Amino acid sequence: MDDLVRFPTLPDVQSRPDNRALAIDAVGIRRLRSPVTIRTGEGEQPTIATFSMAVALPAAVKGTHMSRFVELLEERTGALDYQGFRTLVHAMLQRLGAIGGSVEMHFPFFRVTAAPVSGVESRLDYEVCWRGEQSAEGRYSFRVKVSVPVTSLCPCSKEISDYGAHNQRSLLSIDAELTASMEMRELIEIAEGAASCEVYGVLKRPDEKYVTERAYENPKFAEDLVRDVAVELNRESRVRSFVVEAENFESIHNHSAFARLKSR
């Protein structure tokens, strides 16, 4: 219920006119944490999400009603999927009386993975971001970003060393604008498939031997990682555009190496 209805005698300063003739591109709230349940093809998963919500503000309006963003999240019930997220964006625009705006939701997403030899299962977490945006012209766009931990092994080190090669944990991210539903799992698997080797929560000794040798047989520069992911995404009709980034947390330097590739 709006403040004007609940408190009719209190002045509403935010609704007063503004005479500076300057529209604001985005105004809203950031870093609001809220419990949510995510619905995927693998089932439902409770998590804690961090929201950023914003709308465009016309030049003639002094301010937006910040409390309405929070009220909208408090009223939300049920699990969120891609369609439910789009509904949330549209509900925000209606609540705030705006023609354009966006909702961004960051959350940890867990998957159960099995070790490659022993089959021991463990959970691995991935940082995910959903971003839904509607333009003033009414076009809705939706992006999914997954940040995937992987292993990379240096091809140069392997080539020049009499034995061994330096390897490291890397973070491979895919930020994709989707035209149709595509599971987060699918994007995660594209990233893992481009790496020297996947990473796991629990490994027994036979597993450790396997991943060490697999990485050694599959060396990748940061440049290889982003290019190999881009090759797969270019084949995917559900992806309109993408940004791929790899960061290698170098094991023989005190800096990281990184590469970024945007769709053309």
C-alpha atoms as a PDB file:
ATOM      1  CA  MET A   1       0.000   0.000   0.000  1.00  0.00           C
ATOM      2  CA  ASP A   2       1.369   3.452  -0.909  1.00  0.00           C
ATOM      3  CA  ASP A   3       2.365   5.924   1.791  1.00  0.00           C
ATOM      4  CA  LEU A   4      -0.235   8.412   0.525  1.00  0.00           C
ATOM      5  CA  VAL A   5      -2.979   5.914   1.316  1.00  0.00           C
ATOM      6  CA  ARG A   6      -1.612   4.852   4.710  1.00  0.00           C
ATOM      7  CA  PHE A   7      -0.522   8.336   5.803  1.00  0.00           C
ATOM      8  CA  PRO A   8      -2.709  10.814   3.864  1.00  0.00           C
ATOM      9  CA  THR A   9      -1.725  13.861   5.954  1.00  0.00           C
ATOM     10  CA  LEU A  10       2.053  13.506   5.447  1.00  0.00           C
ATOM     11  CA  PRO A  11       3.674  15.459   2.583  1.00  0.00           C
ATOM     12  CA  ASP A  12       5.110  13.411  -0.323  1.00  0.00           C
ATOM     13  CA  VAL A  13       8.247  15.352  -1.253  1.00  0.00           C
ATOM     14  CA  GLN A  14       9.466  12.782  -3.793  1.00  0.00           C
ATOM     15  CA  SER A  15       6.359  13.247  -5.940  1.00  0.00           C
ATOM     16  CA  ARG A  16       6.847  16.991  -6.260  1.00  0.00           C
ATOM     17  CA  PRO A  17       7.879  18.393  -9.650  1.00  0.00           C
ATOM     18  CA  ASP A  18      11.496  19.201 -10.535  1.00  0.00           C
ATOM     19  CA  ASN A  19      12.352  22.171 -12.772  1.00  0.00           C
ATOM     20  CA  ARG A  20      15.921  21.317 -13.800  1.00  0.00           C
ATOM     21  CA  ALA A  21      14.797  19.497 -16.989  1.00  0.00           C
ATOM     22  CA  LEU A  22      17.206  16.599 -16.417  1.00  0.00           C
ATOM     23  CA  ALA A  23      16.005  13.020 -16.668  1.00  0.00           C
ATOM     24  CA  ILE A  24      17.869  10.386 -14.615  1.00  0.00           C
ATOM     25  CA  ASP A  25      18.933   7.178 -16.360  1.00  0.00           C
ATOM     26  CA  ALA A  26      18.734   4.942 -13.298  1.00  0.00           C
ATOM     27  CA  VAL A  27      17.802   5.431  -9.668  1.00  0.00           C
ATOM     28  CA  GLY A  28      17.103   2.765  -7.076  1.00  0.00           C
ATOM     29  CA  ILE A  29      18.745   0.518  -4.504  1.00  0.00           C
ATOM     30  CA  ARG A  30      21.891  -1.609  -4.403  1.00  0.00           C
ATOM     31  CA  ARG A  31      23.275  -4.437  -2.263  1.00  0.00           C
ATOM     32  CA  LEU A  32      20.012  -5.571  -0.719  1.00  0.00           C
ATOM     33  CA  ARG A  33      20.320  -9.180   0.440  1.00  0.00           C
ATOM     34  CA  SER A  34      17.262 -11.381   0.447  1.00  0.00           C
ATOM     35  CA  PRO A  35      16.590 -15.142   0.714  1.00  0.00           C
ATOM     36  CA  VAL A  36      15.355 -16.634  -2.544  1.00  0.00           C
ATOM     37  CA  THR A  37      14.704 -20.045  -4.036  1.00  0.00           C
ATOM     38  CA  ILE A  38      15.989 -20.644  -7.549  1.00  0.00           C
ATOM     39  CA  ARG A  39      14.120 -23.046  -9.834  1.00  0.00           C
ATOM     40  CA  THR A  40      16.192 -24.838 -12.489  1.00  0.00           C
ATOM     41  CA  GLY A  41      15.889 -27.967 -14.566  1.00  0.00           C
ATOM     42  CA  GLU A  42      17.759 -29.748 -11.771  1.00  0.00           C
ATOM     43  CA  GLY A  43      15.198 -28.757  -9.141  1.00  0.00           C
ATOM     44  CA  GLU A  44      14.803 -25.948  -6.620  1.00  0.00           C
ATOM     45  CA  GLN A  45      17.648 -24.539  -4.539  1.00  0.00           C
ATOM     46  CA  PRO A  46      17.403 -22.024  -1.659  1.00  0.00           C
ATOM     47  CA  THR A  47      20.111 -19.378  -1.554  1.00  0.00           C
ATOM     48  CA  ILE A  48      20.848 -15.808  -0.480  1.00  0.00           C
ATOM     49  CA  ALA A  49      20.781 -13.240  -3.270  1.00  0.00           C
ATOM     50  CA  THR A  50      22.020  -9.668  -3.452  1.00  0.00           C
ATOM     51  CA  PHE A  51      19.710  -7.392  -5.429  1.00  0.00           C
ATOM     52  CA  SER A  52      20.209  -4.138  -7.306  1.00  0.00           C
ATOM     53  CA  MET A  53      17.009  -2.544  -8.640  1.00  0.00           C
ATOM     54  CA  ALA A  54      16.644   0.680 -10.609  1.00  0.00           C
ATOM     55  CA  VAL A  55      14.214   2.603 -12.792  1.00  0.00           C
ATOM     56  CA  ALA A  56      14.514   5.569 -15.121  1.00  0.00           C
ATOM     57  CA  LEU A  57      13.197   8.844 -13.699  1.00  0.00           C
ATOM     58  CA  PRO A  58      11.514  11.475 -15.902  1.00  0.00           C
ATOM     59  CA  ALA A  59      12.905  15.013 -15.837  1.00  0.00           C
ATOM     60  CA  ALA A  60       9.774  16.453 -14.258  1.00  0.00           C
ATOM     61  CA  VAL A  61       9.796  14.085 -11.233  1.00  0.00           C
ATOM     62  CA  LYS A  62      11.902  14.942  -8.179  1.00  0.00           C
ATOM     63  CA  GLY A  63      12.561  11.451  -6.837  1.00  0.00           C
ATOM     64  CA  THR A  64      11.554   7.815  -6.844  1.00  0.00           C
ATOM     65  CA  HIS A  65       9.975   5.927  -3.930  1.00  0.00           C
ATOM     66  CA  MET A  66      12.846   3.781  -2.611  1.00  0.00           C
ATOM     67  CA  SER A  67      10.682   1.807  -0.176  1.00  0.00           C
ATOM     68  CA  ARG A  68       8.657   0.341  -3.022  1.00  0.00           C
ATOM     69  CA  PHE A  69      11.639  -1.670  -4.259  1.00  0.00           C
ATOM     70  CA  VAL A  70      11.998  -3.368  -0.894  1.00  0.00           C
ATOM     71  CA  GLU A  71       8.247  -3.878  -0.552  1.00  0.00           C
ATOM     72  CA  LEU A  72       8.216  -5.641  -3.896  1.00  0.00           C
ATOM     73  CA  LEU A  73      10.820  -8.166  -2.744  1.00  0.00           C
ATOM     74  CA  GLU A  74       9.072  -8.655   0.588  1.00  0.00           C
ATOM     75  CA  GLU A  75       5.825  -9.519  -1.211  1.00  0.00           C
ATOM     76  CA  ARG A  76       7.518 -11.990  -3.545  1.00  0.00           C
ATOM     77  CA  THR A  77       6.621 -15.645  -2.936  1.00  0.00           C
ATOM     78  CA  GLY A  78       7.614 -18.896  -4.596  1.00  0.00           C
ATOM     79  CA  ALA A  79      10.717 -19.969  -6.473  1.00  0.00           C
ATOM     80  CA  LEU A  80      12.259 -17.777  -9.178  1.00  0.00           C
ATOM     81  CA  ASP A  81      13.038 -18.970 -12.672  1.00  0.00           C
ATOM     82  CA  TYR A  82      13.802 -16.909 -15.781  1.00  0.00           C
ATOM     83  CA  GLN A  83      10.138 -16.191 -16.502  1.00  0.00           C
ATOM     84  CA  GLY A  84       9.455 -15.336 -12.880  1.00  0.00           C
ATOM     85  CA  PHE A  85      12.394 -12.942 -12.951  1.00  0.00           C
ATOM     86  CA  ARG A  86      10.914 -11.184 -15.981  1.00  0.00           C
ATOM     87  CA  THR A  87       7.625 -10.890 -14.108  1.00  0.00           C
ATOM     88  CA  LEU A  88       9.537  -9.306 -11.211  1.00  0.00           C
ATOM     89  CA  VAL A  89      11.019  -6.667 -13.533  1.00  0.00           C
ATOM     90  CA  HIS A  90       7.600  -5.816 -14.964  1.00  0.00           C
ATOM     91  CA  ALA A  91       6.071  -5.667 -11.478  1.00  0.00           C
ATOM     92  CA  MET A  92       8.786  -3.219 -10.412  1.00  0.00           C
ATOM     93  CA  LEU A  93       8.072  -0.925 -13.354  1.00  0.00           C
ATOM     94  CA  GLN A  94       4.363  -1.004 -12.611  1.00  0.00           C
ATOM     95  CA  ARG A  95       4.893  -0.366  -8.895  1.00  0.00           C
ATOM     96  CA  LEU A  96       7.210   2.595  -9.563  1.00  0.00           C
ATOM     97  CA  GLY A  97       5.264   3.945 -12.534  1.00  0.00           C
ATOM     98  CA  ALA A  98       8.361   3.704 -14.751  1.00  0.00           C
ATOM     99  CA  ILE A  99       8.730   2.846 -18.429  1.00  0.00           C
ATOM    100  CA  GLY A 100      12.249   1.443 -18.121  1.00  0.00           C
ATOM    101  CA  GLY A 101      14.399  -0.211 -15.476  1.00  0.00           C
ATOM    102  CA  SER A 102      16.442  -3.217 -14.431  1.00  0.00           C
ATOM    103  CA  VAL A 103      16.816  -5.855 -11.737  1.00  0.00           C
ATOM    104  CA  GLU A 104      20.154  -7.549 -11.059  1.00  0.00           C
ATOM    105  CA  MET A 105      20.465 -10.536  -8.756  1.00  0.00           C
ATOM    106  CA  HIS A 106      23.769 -12.083  -7.623  1.00  0.00           C
ATOM    107  CA  PHE A 107      23.741 -15.402  -5.806  1.00  0.00           C
ATOM    108  CA  PRO A 108      25.861 -18.508  -5.108  1.00  0.00           C
ATOM    109  CA  PHE A 109      24.664 -21.581  -6.992  1.00  0.00           C
ATOM    110  CA  PHE A 110      25.674 -25.088  -5.917  1.00  0.00           C
ATOM    111  CA  ARG A 111      25.993 -28.231  -8.015  1.00  0.00           C
ATOM    112  CA  VAL A 112      26.878 -31.761  -6.934  1.00  0.00           C
ATOM    113  CA  THR A 113      29.860 -33.087  -8.863  1.00  0.00           C
ATOM    114  CA  ALA A 114      31.369 -36.561  -8.894  1.00  0.00           C
ATOM    115  CA  ALA A 115      35.139 -37.100  -8.745  1.00  0.00           C
ATOM    116  CA  PRO A 116      36.411 -38.490 -12.087  1.00  0.00           C
ATOM    117  CA  VAL A 117      37.740 -41.857 -10.837  1.00  0.00           C
ATOM    118  CA  SER A 118      36.374 -42.606  -7.356  1.00  0.00           C
ATOM    119  CA  GLY A 119      32.969 -41.081  -8.068  1.00  0.00           C
ATOM    120  CA  VAL A 120      32.923 -39.382  -4.646  1.00  0.00           C
ATOM    121  CA  GLU A 121      30.313 -36.624  -4.722  1.00  0.00           C
ATOM    122  CA  SER A 122      30.769 -33.116  -3.340  1.00  0.00           C
ATOM    123  CA  ARG A 123      29.220 -29.692  -3.802  1.00  0.00           C
ATOM    124  CA  LEU A 124      30.890 -26.981  -5.843  1.00  0.00           C
ATOM    125  CA  ASP A 125      29.720 -23.372  -5.737  1.00  0.00           C
ATOM    126  CA  TYR A 126      29.490 -20.948  -8.649  1.00  0.00           C
ATOM    127  CA  GLU A 127      28.807 -17.209  -8.579  1.00  0.00           C
ATOM    128  CA  VAL A 128      25.807 -16.382 -10.773  1.00  0.00           C
ATOM    129  CA  CYS A 129      24.179 -13.142 -11.838  1.00  0.00           C
ATOM    130  CA  TRP A 130      20.802 -12.676 -13.510  1.00  0.00           C
ATOM    131  CA  ARG A 131      20.049  -9.280 -15.044  1.00  0.00           C
ATOM    132  CA  GLY A 132      16.704  -8.366 -16.535  1.00  0.00           C
ATOM    133  CA  GLU A 133      16.227  -4.970 -18.170  1.00  0.00           C
ATOM    134  CA  GLN A 134      13.389  -3.300 -20.003  1.00  0.00           C
ATOM    135  CA  SER A 135      14.173  -0.295 -22.171  1.00  0.00           C
ATOM    136  CA  ALA A 136      11.980   2.782 -22.496  1.00  0.00           C
ATOM    137  CA  GLU A 137      10.955   1.394 -25.880  1.00  0.00           C
ATOM    138  CA  GLY A 138       9.610  -1.757 -24.213  1.00  0.00           C
ATOM    139  CA  ARG A 139      12.344  -4.232 -25.229  1.00  0.00           C
ATOM    140  CA  TYR A 140      13.182  -6.778 -22.537  1.00  0.00           C
ATOM    141  CA  SER A 141      16.662  -8.316 -22.371  1.00  0.00           C
ATOM    142  CA  PHE A 142      17.944 -10.988 -20.036  1.00  0.00           C
ATOM    143  CA  ARG A 143      21.549 -11.889 -19.237  1.00  0.00           C
ATOM    144  CA  VAL A 144      23.035 -14.732 -17.220  1.00  0.00           C
ATOM    145  CA  LYS A 145      26.603 -14.609 -15.925  1.00  0.00           C
ATOM    146  CA  VAL A 146      28.320 -17.646 -14.439  1.00  0.00           C
ATOM    147  CA  SER A 147      31.785 -17.570 -12.842  1.00  0.00           C
ATOM    148  CA  VAL A 148      33.340 -21.017 -12.983  1.00  0.00           C
ATOM    149  CA  PRO A 149      36.521 -22.168 -11.177  1.00  0.00           C
ATOM    150  CA  VAL A 150      38.725 -24.339 -13.392  1.00  0.00           C
ATOM    151  CA  THR A 151      42.332 -25.505 -13.742  1.00  0.00           C
ATOM    152  CA  SER A 152      44.680 -24.196 -16.422  1.00  0.00           C
ATOM    153  CA  LEU A 153      48.177 -25.425 -17.271  1.00  0.00           C
ATOM    154  CA  CYS A 154      50.694 -23.247 -19.134  1.00  0.00           C
ATOM    155  CA  PRO A 155      51.567 -24.559 -22.632  1.00  0.00           C
ATOM    156  CA  CYS A 156      54.823 -22.589 -22.673  1.00  0.00           C
ATOM    157  CA  SER A 157      55.936 -24.030 -19.342  1.00  0.00           C
ATOM    158  CA  LYS A 158      55.201 -27.546 -20.574  1.00  0.00           C
ATOM    159  CA  GLU A 159      57.075 -26.973 -23.824  1.00  0.00           C
ATOM    160  CA  ILE A 160      60.291 -25.604 -22.335  1.00  0.00           C
ATOM    161  CA  SER A 161      60.582 -27.714 -19.161  1.00  0.00           C
ATOM    162  CA  ASP A 162      62.382 -31.051 -18.977  1.00  0.00           C
ATOM    163  CA  TYR A 163      59.710 -32.205 -16.548  1.00  0.00           C
ATOM    164  CA  GLY A 164      56.544 -30.732 -15.083  1.00  0.00           C
ATOM    165  CA  ALA A 165      54.699 -27.539 -15.948  1.00  0.00           C
ATOM    166  CA  HIS A 166      53.201 -24.796 -13.828  1.00  0.00           C
ATOM    167  CA  ASN A 167      49.445 -24.811 -13.406  1.00  0.00           C
ATOM    168  CA  GLN A 168      46.943 -22.793 -11.440  1.00  0.00           C
ATOM    169  CA  ARG A 169      43.332 -22.344 -10.531  1.00  0.00           C
ATOM    170  CA  SER A 170      41.528 -20.002 -12.901  1.00  0.00           C
ATOM    171  CA  LEU A 171      38.187 -18.245 -12.949  1.00  0.00           C
ATOM    172  CA  LEU A 172      36.344 -18.467 -16.242  1.00  0.00           C
ATOM    173  CA  SER A 173      33.227 -16.323 -16.602  1.00  0.00           C
ATOM    174  CA  ILE A 174      30.506 -16.269 -19.254  1.00  0.00           C
ATOM    175  CA  ASP A 175      28.118 -13.314 -19.465  1.00  0.00           C
ATOM    176  CA  ALA A 176      25.475 -14.222 -22.044  1.00  0.00           C
ATOM    177  CA  GLU A 177      22.369 -12.453 -23.314  1.00  0.00           C
ATOM    178  CA  LEU A 178      19.803 -15.180 -23.932  1.00  0.00           C
ATOM    179  CA  THR A 179      17.022 -15.321 -26.490  1.00  0.00           C
ATOM    180  CA  ALA A 180      15.540 -18.547 -25.081  1.00  0.00           C
ATOM    181  CA  SER A 181      15.884 -20.527 -21.888  1.00  0.00           C
ATOM    182  CA  MET A 182      19.350 -21.980 -21.311  1.00  0.00           C
ATOM    183  CA  GLU A 183      20.156 -23.698 -18.037  1.00  0.00           C
ATOM    184  CA  MET A 184      22.982 -22.334 -15.901  1.00  0.00           C
ATOM    185  CA  ARG A 185      24.324 -25.884 -15.934  1.00  0.00           C
ATOM    186  CA  GLU A 186      24.823 -25.665 -19.697  1.00  0.00           C
ATOM    187  CA  LEU A 187      26.903 -22.498 -19.452  1.00  0.00           C
ATOM    188  CA  ILE A 188      28.932 -23.970 -16.588  1.00  0.00           C
ATOM    189  CA  GLU A 189      29.677 -27.095 -18.610  1.00  0.00           C
ATOM    190  CA  ILE A 190      30.805 -25.021 -21.610  1.00  0.00           C
ATOM    191  CA  ALA A 191      33.299 -23.233 -19.349  1.00  0.00           C
ATOM    192  CA  GLU A 192      34.527 -26.444 -17.728  1.00  0.00           C
ATOM    193  CA  GLY A 193      34.877 -28.131 -21.109  1.00  0.00           C
ATOM    194  CA  ALA A 194      37.238 -25.388 -22.292  1.00  0.00           C
ATOM    195  CA  ALA A 195      39.610 -25.695 -19.318  1.00  0.00           C
ATOM    196  CA  SER A 196      42.718 -27.793 -18.895  1.00  0.00           C
ATOM    197  CA  CYS A 197      40.703 -29.652 -16.261  1.00  0.00           C
ATOM    198  CA  GLU A 198      37.677 -29.161 -14.023  1.00  0.00           C
ATOM    199  CA  VAL A 199      38.008 -28.596 -10.279  1.00  0.00           C
ATOM    200  CA  TYR A 200      36.271 -30.670  -7.611  1.00  0.00           C
ATOM    201  CA  GLY A 201      35.334 -30.295  -3.961  1.00  0.00           C
ATOM    202  CA  VAL A 202      36.684 -33.714  -2.924  1.00  0.00           C
ATOM    203  CA  LEU A 203      39.385 -35.792  -4.638  1.00  0.00           C
ATOM    204  CA  LYS A 204      40.858 -39.139  -3.614  1.00  0.00           C
ATOM    205  CA  ARG A 205      44.382 -40.104  -4.649  1.00  0.00           C
ATOM    206  CA  PRO A 206      43.330 -41.799  -7.930  1.00  0.00           C
ATOM    207  CA  ASP A 207      41.308 -38.685  -8.743  1.00  0.00           C
ATOM    208  CA  GLU A 208      44.258 -36.407  -8.012  1.00  0.00           C
ATOM    209  CA  LYS A 209      46.425 -38.441 -10.370  1.00  0.00           C
ATOM    210  CA  TYR A 210      43.747 -38.179 -13.042  1.00  0.00           C
ATOM    211  CA  VAL A 211      43.241 -34.402 -12.848  1.00  0.00           C
ATOM    212  CA  THR A 212      46.998 -33.722 -12.706  1.00  0.00           C
ATOM    213  CA  GLU A 213      47.640 -35.791 -15.813  1.00  0.00           C
ATOM    214  CA  ARG A 214      44.557 -34.496 -17.616  1.00  0.00           C
ATOM    215  CA  ALA A 215      45.653 -30.903 -17.129  1.00  0.00           C
ATOM    216  CA  TYR A 216      49.183 -31.769 -18.298  1.00  0.00           C
ATOM    217  CA  GLU A 217      47.796 -33.329 -21.477  1.00  0.00           C
ATOM    218  CA  ASN A 218      45.497 -30.346 -22.109  1.00  0.00           C
ATOM    219  CA  PRO A 219      47.526 -27.121 -21.648  1.00  0.00           C
ATOM    220  CA  LYS A 220      45.705 -23.810 -22.128  1.00  0.00           C
ATOM    221  CA  PHE A 221      46.688 -20.147 -22.098  1.00  0.00           C
ATOM    222  CA  ALA A 222      44.128 -17.617 -20.833  1.00  0.00           C
ATOM    223  CA  GLU A 223      43.714 -16.728 -24.524  1.00  0.00           C
ATOM    224  CA  ASP A 224      42.878 -20.364 -25.327  1.00  0.00           C
ATOM    225  CA  LEU A 225      40.255 -20.482 -22.602  1.00  0.00           C
ATOM    226  CA  VAL A 226      38.249 -17.515 -23.865  1.00  0.00           C
ATOM    227  CA  ARG A 227      38.561 -18.512 -27.521  1.00  0.00           C
ATOM    228  CA  ASP A 228      37.436 -22.085 -26.897  1.00  0.00           C
ATOM    229  CA  VAL A 229      34.404 -20.881 -24.926  1.00  0.00           C
ATOM    230  CA  ALA A 230      33.570 -18.363 -27.673  1.00  0.00           C
ATOM    231  CA  VAL A 231      33.654 -21.110 -30.308  1.00  0.00           C
ATOM    232  CA  GLU A 232      30.975 -23.023 -28.405  1.00  0.00           C
ATOM    233  CA  LEU A 233      28.842 -19.952 -27.716  1.00  0.00           C
ATOM    234  CA  ASN A 234      28.959 -18.920 -31.388  1.00  0.00           C
ATOM    235  CA  ARG A 235      27.292 -22.250 -32.195  1.00  0.00           C
ATOM    236  CA  GLU A 236      24.518 -21.646 -29.675  1.00  0.00           C
ATOM    237  CA  SER A 237      21.335 -20.156 -31.191  1.00  0.00           C
ATOM    238  CA  ARG A 238      19.971 -19.209 -27.759  1.00  0.00           C
ATOM    239  CA  VAL A 239      22.820 -16.752 -27.142  1.00  0.00           C
ATOM    240  CA  ARG A 240      22.457 -13.308 -28.737  1.00  0.00           C
ATOM    241  CA  SER A 241      25.706 -11.840 -27.401  1.00  0.00           C
ATOM    242  CA  PHE A 242      28.356 -12.697 -24.829  1.00  0.00           C
ATOM    243  CA  VAL A 243      31.446 -11.615 -22.933  1.00  0.00           C
ATOM    244  CA  VAL A 244      33.942 -14.281 -21.850  1.00  0.00           C
ATOM    245  CA  GLU A 245      36.732 -13.575 -19.391  1.00  0.00           C
ATOM    246  CA  ALA A 246      39.460 -15.763 -17.931  1.00  0.00           C
ATOM    247  CA  GLU A 247      41.682 -14.900 -14.979  1.00  0.00           C
ATOM    248  CA  ASN A 248      44.594 -17.174 -14.126  1.00  0.00           C
ATOM    249  CA  PHE A 249      45.815 -16.863 -10.535  1.00  0.00           C
ATOM    250  CA  GLU A 250      49.416 -17.519 -11.497  1.00  0.00           C
ATOM    251  CA  SER A 251      51.408 -19.981  -9.412  1.00  0.00           C
ATOM    252  CA  ILE A 252      54.852 -18.569 -10.391  1.00  0.00           C
ATOM    253  CA  HIS A 253      54.012 -14.836 -10.374  1.00  0.00           C
ATOM    254  CA  ASN A 254      52.526 -12.420  -7.865  1.00  0.00           C
ATOM    255  CA  HIS A 255      50.021 -11.203 -10.454  1.00  0.00           C
ATOM    256  CA  SER A 256      47.182 -12.722 -12.451  1.00  0.00           C
ATOM    257  CA  ALA A 257      46.962 -13.159 -16.197  1.00  0.00           C
ATOM    258  CA  PHE A 258      43.624 -12.448 -17.875  1.00  0.00           C
ATOM    259  CA  ALA A 259      41.905 -12.393 -21.241  1.00  0.00           C
ATOM    260  CA  ARG A 260      38.521 -11.066 -22.366  1.00  0.00           C
ATOM    261  CA  LEU A 261      36.596 -11.733 -25.571  1.00  0.00           C
ATOM    262  CA  LYS A 262      33.323 -10.096 -26.634  1.00  0.00           C
ATOM    263  CA  SER A 263      31.007 -11.378 -29.338  1.00  0.00           C
ATOM    264  CA  ARG A 264      31.149  -9.387 -32.559  1.00  0.00           C
END
